[in-house]
Amino acid sequence: MSSNFADDILNLALELATEWGENFRKPIHDRLRVSHPNLTDAEIDELSTIVRHAESRIYALAEDELAGKIAEGDITSAAIRDFSWLSPTNAGRLKNIGMYYARR
């Protein structure tokens, strides 16, 4: 899934979409517009779709690790290979979240 968005916007959208606490699973529109006020609802909806796809893929990689299909150390590199815009920080954070969910 390719996009026309800058890497920093995609990573911020991912951070907001996967936030814990009071914003857990809440739409990111208002929070994303704090730093990017010119984004339209349609663009933010597209960003949400892209980052949810990345999130889902990273969680699937964590399930593969639990099943012994890949090594833990391969999760972040596979995620970054699949999503070239993904920052190492977000890849590591989502790997940890995914491993938490996989082991629940």
C-alpha atoms as a PDB file:
ATOM      1  CA  MET A   1       0.000   0.000   0.000  1.00  0.00           C
ATOM      2  CA  SER A   2       1.742   3.148  -1.192  1.00  0.00           C
ATOM      3  CA  SER A   3       0.916   6.700  -0.233  1.00  0.00           C
ATOM      4  CA  ASN A   4       1.625  10.276  -1.184  1.00  0.00           C
ATOM      5  CA  PHE A   5       2.101  11.325   2.432  1.00  0.00           C
ATOM      6  CA  ALA A   6       5.433  12.318   3.965  1.00  0.00           C
ATOM      7  CA  ASP A   7       7.033   9.782   6.291  1.00  0.00           C
ATOM      8  CA  ASP A   8       6.754  12.109   9.301  1.00  0.00           C
ATOM      9  CA  ILE A   9       2.982  12.485   8.828  1.00  0.00           C
ATOM     10  CA  LEU A  10       2.546   8.721   8.470  1.00  0.00           C
ATOM     11  CA  ASN A  11       4.573   8.060  11.613  1.00  0.00           C
ATOM     12  CA  LEU A  12       2.669  10.693  13.579  1.00  0.00           C
ATOM     13  CA  ALA A  13      -0.637   9.235  12.387  1.00  0.00           C
ATOM     14  CA  LEU A  14       0.551   5.791  13.508  1.00  0.00           C
ATOM     15  CA  GLU A  15       1.561   7.116  16.919  1.00  0.00           C
ATOM     16  CA  LEU A  16      -1.849   8.751  17.349  1.00  0.00           C
ATOM     17  CA  ALA A  17      -3.774   5.719  16.074  1.00  0.00           C
ATOM     18  CA  THR A  18      -1.983   3.403  18.504  1.00  0.00           C
ATOM     19  CA  GLU A  19      -2.020   5.710  21.495  1.00  0.00           C
ATOM     20  CA  TRP A  20      -2.913   4.213  24.860  1.00  0.00           C
ATOM     21  CA  GLY A  21      -4.923   5.874  27.620  1.00  0.00           C
ATOM     22  CA  GLU A  22      -7.846   8.212  27.070  1.00  0.00           C
ATOM     23  CA  ASN A  23      -7.318   8.316  23.276  1.00  0.00           C
ATOM     24  CA  PHE A  24      -7.150   4.528  22.843  1.00  0.00           C
ATOM     25  CA  ARG A  25      -8.795   3.577  19.515  1.00  0.00           C
ATOM     26  CA  LYS A  26     -10.263   7.072  19.072  1.00  0.00           C
ATOM     27  CA  PRO A  27     -10.248   8.807  15.672  1.00  0.00           C
ATOM     28  CA  ILE A  28      -7.080  10.793  15.040  1.00  0.00           C
ATOM     29  CA  HIS A  29      -8.583  13.715  13.088  1.00  0.00           C
ATOM     30  CA  ASP A  30      -8.539  16.422  15.760  1.00  0.00           C
ATOM     31  CA  ARG A  31      -5.191  15.384  17.238  1.00  0.00           C
ATOM     32  CA  LEU A  32      -3.495  15.203  13.828  1.00  0.00           C
ATOM     33  CA  ARG A  33      -4.823  18.614  12.856  1.00  0.00           C
ATOM     34  CA  VAL A  34      -2.976  20.209  15.790  1.00  0.00           C
ATOM     35  CA  SER A  35       0.255  19.930  13.779  1.00  0.00           C
ATOM     36  CA  HIS A  36      -1.216  19.535  10.277  1.00  0.00           C
ATOM     37  CA  PRO A  37      -4.295  21.812  10.106  1.00  0.00           C
ATOM     38  CA  ASN A  38      -4.584  21.673   6.310  1.00  0.00           C
ATOM     39  CA  LEU A  39      -5.325  17.943   6.144  1.00  0.00           C
ATOM     40  CA  THR A  40      -8.851  17.147   4.980  1.00  0.00           C
ATOM     41  CA  ASP A  41     -11.096  14.523   6.546  1.00  0.00           C
ATOM     42  CA  ALA A  42     -10.601  12.367   3.448  1.00  0.00           C
ATOM     43  CA  GLU A  43      -6.805  12.592   3.765  1.00  0.00           C
ATOM     44  CA  ILE A  44      -6.923  11.708   7.456  1.00  0.00           C
ATOM     45  CA  ASP A  45      -9.244   8.807   6.686  1.00  0.00           C
ATOM     46  CA  GLU A  46      -6.684   7.597   4.127  1.00  0.00           C
ATOM     47  CA  LEU A  47      -3.868   8.001   6.657  1.00  0.00           C
ATOM     48  CA  SER A  48      -5.902   6.033   9.188  1.00  0.00           C
ATOM     49  CA  THR A  49      -6.368   3.201   6.702  1.00  0.00           C
ATOM     50  CA  ILE A  50      -2.656   3.107   5.871  1.00  0.00           C
ATOM     51  CA  VAL A  51      -1.476   3.090   9.483  1.00  0.00           C
ATOM     52  CA  ARG A  52      -4.076   0.538  10.599  1.00  0.00           C
ATOM     53  CA  HIS A  53      -2.804  -1.724   7.822  1.00  0.00           C
ATOM     54  CA  ALA A  54       0.762  -1.330   9.125  1.00  0.00           C
ATOM     55  CA  GLU A  55      -0.388  -1.911  12.698  1.00  0.00           C
ATOM     56  CA  SER A  56      -2.224  -5.080  11.712  1.00  0.00           C
ATOM     57  CA  ARG A  57       0.780  -6.387   9.773  1.00  0.00           C
ATOM     58  CA  ILE A  58       3.168  -5.809  12.674  1.00  0.00           C
ATOM     59  CA  TYR A  59       0.792  -7.572  15.061  1.00  0.00           C
ATOM     60  CA  ALA A  60       0.632 -10.498  12.609  1.00  0.00           C
ATOM     61  CA  LEU A  61       4.438 -10.619  12.613  1.00  0.00           C
ATOM     62  CA  ALA A  62       4.340 -10.832  16.421  1.00  0.00           C
ATOM     63  CA  GLU A  63       1.931 -13.761  16.149  1.00  0.00           C
ATOM     64  CA  ASP A  64       4.318 -15.393  13.667  1.00  0.00           C
ATOM     65  CA  GLU A  65       7.116 -14.970  16.215  1.00  0.00           C
ATOM     66  CA  LEU A  66       5.025 -16.640  18.910  1.00  0.00           C
ATOM     67  CA  ALA A  67       4.314 -19.511  16.515  1.00  0.00           C
ATOM     68  CA  GLY A  68       8.043 -19.908  15.870  1.00  0.00           C
ATOM     69  CA  LYS A  69       7.855 -18.838  12.213  1.00  0.00           C
ATOM     70  CA  ILE A  70      10.225 -15.875  12.648  1.00  0.00           C
ATOM     71  CA  ALA A  71      12.661 -14.663  15.291  1.00  0.00           C
ATOM     72  CA  GLU A  72      11.783 -11.758  17.582  1.00  0.00           C
ATOM     73  CA  GLY A  73      14.700  -9.781  16.176  1.00  0.00           C
ATOM     74  CA  ASP A  74      13.249 -10.072  12.674  1.00  0.00           C
ATOM     75  CA  ILE A  75       9.933  -8.377  13.445  1.00  0.00           C
ATOM     76  CA  THR A  76      11.089  -4.760  13.199  1.00  0.00           C
ATOM     77  CA  SER A  77      13.230  -5.322  10.100  1.00  0.00           C
ATOM     78  CA  ALA A  78      10.334  -7.108   8.366  1.00  0.00           C
ATOM     79  CA  ALA A  79       7.966  -4.282   9.315  1.00  0.00           C
ATOM     80  CA  ILE A  80      10.338  -1.627   7.982  1.00  0.00           C
ATOM     81  CA  ARG A  81      10.849  -3.666   4.815  1.00  0.00           C
ATOM     82  CA  ASP A  82       7.056  -3.824   4.338  1.00  0.00           C
ATOM     83  CA  PHE A  83       6.527  -0.151   5.194  1.00  0.00           C
ATOM     84  CA  SER A  84       9.506   1.938   4.096  1.00  0.00           C
ATOM     85  CA  TRP A  85       8.084   5.028   5.829  1.00  0.00           C
ATOM     86  CA  LEU A  86       7.994   3.323   9.230  1.00  0.00           C
ATOM     87  CA  SER A  87      10.409   4.763  11.783  1.00  0.00           C
ATOM     88  CA  PRO A  88      12.539   2.363  13.835  1.00  0.00           C
ATOM     89  CA  THR A  89      10.950   3.838  16.980  1.00  0.00           C
ATOM     90  CA  ASN A  90       7.415   3.076  15.799  1.00  0.00           C
ATOM     91  CA  ALA A  91       8.445  -0.340  14.494  1.00  0.00           C
ATOM     92  CA  GLY A  92       9.903  -1.251  17.882  1.00  0.00           C
ATOM     93  CA  ARG A  93       6.950   0.147  19.801  1.00  0.00           C
ATOM     94  CA  LEU A  94       4.421  -1.726  17.658  1.00  0.00           C
ATOM     95  CA  LYS A  95       6.512  -4.914  17.896  1.00  0.00           C
ATOM     96  CA  ASN A  96       6.293  -4.693  21.679  1.00  0.00           C
ATOM     97  CA  ILE A  97       2.548  -4.043  21.592  1.00  0.00           C
ATOM     98  CA  GLY A  98       2.077  -6.903  19.137  1.00  0.00           C
ATOM     99  CA  MET A  99       4.045  -9.291  21.295  1.00  0.00           C
ATOM    100  CA  TYR A 100       1.960  -8.261  24.294  1.00  0.00           C
ATOM    101  CA  TYR A 101      -1.270  -8.988  22.397  1.00  0.00           C
ATOM    102  CA  ALA A 102       0.071 -12.251  20.963  1.00  0.00           C
ATOM    103  CA  ARG A 103       0.824 -13.537  24.443  1.00  0.00           C
ATOM    104  CA  ARG A 104      -2.469 -12.525  26.053  1.00  0.00           C
END
